[in-house]
C-alpha atoms as a PDB file:
ATOM      1  CA  UNK A   1      88.571  87.362 106.452  1.00  0.00           C
ATOM      2  CA  UNK A   2      87.263  89.014 109.612  1.00  0.00           C
ATOM      3  CA  UNK A   3      85.409  85.860 110.635  1.00  0.00           C
ATOM      4  CA  UNK A   4      88.555  83.761 110.258  1.00  0.00           C
ATOM      5  CA  UNK A   5      90.541  86.237 112.354  1.00  0.00           C
ATOM      6  CA  UNK A   6      87.886  86.359 115.091  1.00  0.00           C
ATOM      7  CA  UNK A   7      87.450  82.608 115.323  1.00  0.00           C
ATOM      8  CA  UNK A   8      91.152  81.803 115.182  1.00  0.00           C
ATOM      9  CA  UNK A   9      91.876  84.361 117.906  1.00  0.00           C
ATOM     10  CA  UNK A  10      89.482  82.387 120.123  1.00  0.00           C
ATOM     11  CA  UNK A  11      91.091  79.106 119.053  1.00  0.00           C
ATOM     12  CA  UNK A  12      87.887  78.027 117.317  1.00  0.00           C
ATOM     13  CA  UNK A  13      87.487  76.430 113.924  1.00  0.00           C
ATOM     14  CA  UNK A  14      84.998  77.421 111.241  1.00  0.00           C
ATOM     15  CA  UNK A  15      81.877  75.302 111.090  1.00  0.00           C
ATOM     16  CA  UNK A  16      81.043  73.437 107.873  1.00  0.00           C
ATOM     17  CA  UNK A  17      78.863  76.202 106.397  1.00  0.00           C
ATOM     18  CA  UNK A  18      81.402  78.938 107.175  1.00  0.00           C
ATOM     19  CA  UNK A  19      84.179  76.812 105.734  1.00  0.00           C
ATOM     20  CA  UNK A  20      82.229  76.217 102.527  1.00  0.00           C
ATOM     21  CA  UNK A  21      81.330  79.908 102.192  1.00  0.00           C
ATOM     22  CA  UNK A  22      84.991  80.872 102.554  1.00  0.00           C
ATOM     23  CA  UNK A  23      85.993  78.363  99.912  1.00  0.00           C
ATOM     24  CA  UNK A  24      83.295  79.417  97.435  1.00  0.00           C
ATOM     25  CA  UNK A  25      83.950  83.126  97.973  1.00  0.00           C
ATOM     26  CA  UNK A  26      87.648  82.862  97.148  1.00  0.00           C
ATOM     27  CA  UNK A  27      86.951  80.411  94.331  1.00  0.00           C
ATOM     28  CA  UNK A  28      84.585  82.919  92.691  1.00  0.00           C
ATOM     29  CA  UNK A  29      86.988  85.853  93.067  1.00  0.00           C
ATOM     30  CA  UNK A  30      89.922  83.885  91.672  1.00  0.00           C
ATOM     31  CA  UNK A  31      87.752  82.418  88.911  1.00  0.00           C
ATOM     32  CA  UNK A  32      86.702  85.836  87.662  1.00  0.00           C
ATOM     33  CA  UNK A  33      90.308  87.093  87.672  1.00  0.00           C
ATOM     34  CA  UNK A  34      91.449  84.001  85.779  1.00  0.00           C
ATOM     35  CA  UNK A  35      88.656  84.518  83.224  1.00  0.00           C
ATOM     36  CA  UNK A  36      89.785  88.123  82.756  1.00  0.00           C
ATOM     37  CA  UNK A  37      93.370  86.986  82.283  1.00  0.00           C
ATOM     38  CA  UNK A  38      92.320  84.366  79.697  1.00  0.00           C
ATOM     39  CA  UNK A  39      90.351  86.984  77.776  1.00  0.00           C
ATOM     40  CA  UNK A  40      93.332  89.320  77.742  1.00  0.00           C
ATOM     41  CA  UNK A  41      95.678  86.502  76.756  1.00  0.00           C
ATOM     42  CA  UNK A  42      93.554  85.525  73.779  1.00  0.00           C
ATOM     43  CA  UNK A  43      94.446  88.881  72.247  1.00  0.00           C
ATOM     44  CA  UNK A  44      92.538  91.485  70.362  1.00  0.00           C
ATOM     45  CA  UNK A  45      92.960  92.536  66.748  1.00  0.00           C
ATOM     46  CA  UNK A  46      92.888  96.308  67.060  1.00  0.00           C
ATOM     47  CA  UNK A  47      94.466  97.083  70.437  1.00  0.00           C
ATOM     48  CA  UNK A  48      97.760  98.468  71.586  1.00  0.00           C
ATOM     49  CA  UNK A  49      99.883  95.440  72.532  1.00  0.00           C
ATOM     50  CA  UNK A  50     101.769  97.384  75.199  1.00  0.00           C
ATOM     51  CA  UNK A  51      98.547  98.494  76.878  1.00  0.00           C
ATOM     52  CA  UNK A  52      97.179  94.965  76.723  1.00  0.00           C
ATOM     53  CA  UNK A  53     100.311  93.530  78.374  1.00  0.00           C
ATOM     54  CA  UNK A  54     100.222  96.236  81.034  1.00  0.00           C
ATOM     55  CA  UNK A  55      96.619  95.428  81.938  1.00  0.00           C
ATOM     56  CA  UNK A  56      97.344  91.703  81.863  1.00  0.00           C
ATOM     57  CA  UNK A  57     100.179  92.302  84.333  1.00  0.00           C
ATOM     58  CA  UNK A  58      97.794  94.213  86.578  1.00  0.00           C
ATOM     59  CA  UNK A  59      95.331  91.297  86.573  1.00  0.00           C
ATOM     60  CA  UNK A  60      98.190  88.881  87.329  1.00  0.00           C
ATOM     61  CA  UNK A  61      99.271  91.014  90.303  1.00  0.00           C
ATOM     62  CA  UNK A  62      95.702  91.122  91.641  1.00  0.00           C
ATOM     63  CA  UNK A  63      95.368  87.370  91.227  1.00  0.00           C
ATOM     64  CA  UNK A  64      98.617  86.748  93.067  1.00  0.00           C
ATOM     65  CA  UNK A  65      97.563  89.060  95.916  1.00  0.00           C
ATOM     66  CA  UNK A  66      94.249  87.225  96.337  1.00  0.00           C
ATOM     67  CA  UNK A  67      95.974  83.833  96.374  1.00  0.00           C
ATOM     68  CA  UNK A  68      98.518  85.037  98.935  1.00  0.00           C
ATOM     69  CA  UNK A  69      95.702  86.411 101.098  1.00  0.00           C
ATOM     70  CA  UNK A  70      93.838  83.112 101.228  1.00  0.00           C
ATOM     71  CA  UNK A  71      97.071  81.177 101.748  1.00  0.00           C
ATOM     72  CA  UNK A  72      97.952  83.431 104.677  1.00  0.00           C
ATOM     73  CA  UNK A  73      94.532  82.864 106.216  1.00  0.00           C
ATOM     74  CA  UNK A  74      94.910  79.132 105.761  1.00  0.00           C
ATOM     75  CA  UNK A  75      98.489  78.677 106.955  1.00  0.00           C
ATOM     76  CA  UNK A  76      98.592  81.280 109.731  1.00  0.00           C
ATOM     77  CA  UNK A  77      95.122  80.771 111.155  1.00  0.00           C
ATOM     78  CA  UNK A  78      92.947  77.915 109.955  1.00  0.00           C
ATOM     79  CA  UNK A  79      95.478  75.106 109.592  1.00  0.00           C
ATOM     80  CA  UNK A  80      96.919  75.901 113.009  1.00  0.00           C
ATOM     81  CA  UNK A  81      93.552  75.446 114.719  1.00  0.00           C
ATOM     82  CA  UNK A  82      93.099  71.941 113.289  1.00  0.00           C
ATOM     83  CA  UNK A  83      96.723  70.780 113.057  1.00  0.00           C
ATOM     84  CA  UNK A  84      97.497  67.145 113.820  1.00  0.00           C
ATOM     85  CA  UNK A  85      93.833  66.203 114.224  1.00  0.00           C
ATOM     86  CA  UNK A  86      93.728  64.293 110.932  1.00  0.00           C
ATOM     87  CA  UNK A  87      90.062  65.040 110.426  1.00  0.00           C
ATOM     88  CA  UNK A  88      88.050  66.137 107.398  1.00  0.00           C
ATOM     89  CA  UNK A  89      88.530  69.824 108.205  1.00  0.00           C
ATOM     90  CA  UNK A  90      92.309  69.543 108.191  1.00  0.00           C
ATOM     91  CA  UNK A  91      92.198  67.759 104.824  1.00  0.00           C
ATOM     92  CA  UNK A  92      89.851  70.452 103.468  1.00  0.00           C
ATOM     93  CA  UNK A  93      92.240  73.248 104.473  1.00  0.00           C
ATOM     94  CA  UNK A  94      95.294  71.435 103.119  1.00  0.00           C
ATOM     95  CA  UNK A  95      93.512  70.857  99.820  1.00  0.00           C
ATOM     96  CA  UNK A  96      92.651  74.552  99.646  1.00  0.00           C
ATOM     97  CA  UNK A  97      96.321  75.381 100.228  1.00  0.00           C
ATOM     98  CA  UNK A  98      97.273  73.130  97.339  1.00  0.00           C
ATOM     99  CA  UNK A  99      94.649  74.723  95.109  1.00  0.00           C
ATOM    100  CA  UNK A 100      95.899  78.251  95.738  1.00  0.00           C
ATOM    101  CA  UNK A 101      99.582  77.354  95.387  1.00  0.00           C
ATOM    102  CA  UNK A 102      99.023  76.289  91.786  1.00  0.00           C
END
């Protein structure tokens, strides 16, 4: 997040390695939250249903916050630095936006 803020403040774009690291980092964080949510959604035999739903809601809130964070980075910083260029980087960022909107 700090790298994106620093580079966008200078009007620079992330290089290919930085871009890939950003993508993989958020993908891993979101993937682990989604796995937790799936585990909670599959249910447990001997647990308090109210407690389970409460924890599931907490995981959903965390997941939404992470997605909003990456979308903010993309729309407010990264997409603006490559807008209207029509290059591979712009397509990469727009694809990431689509991924995190779903």
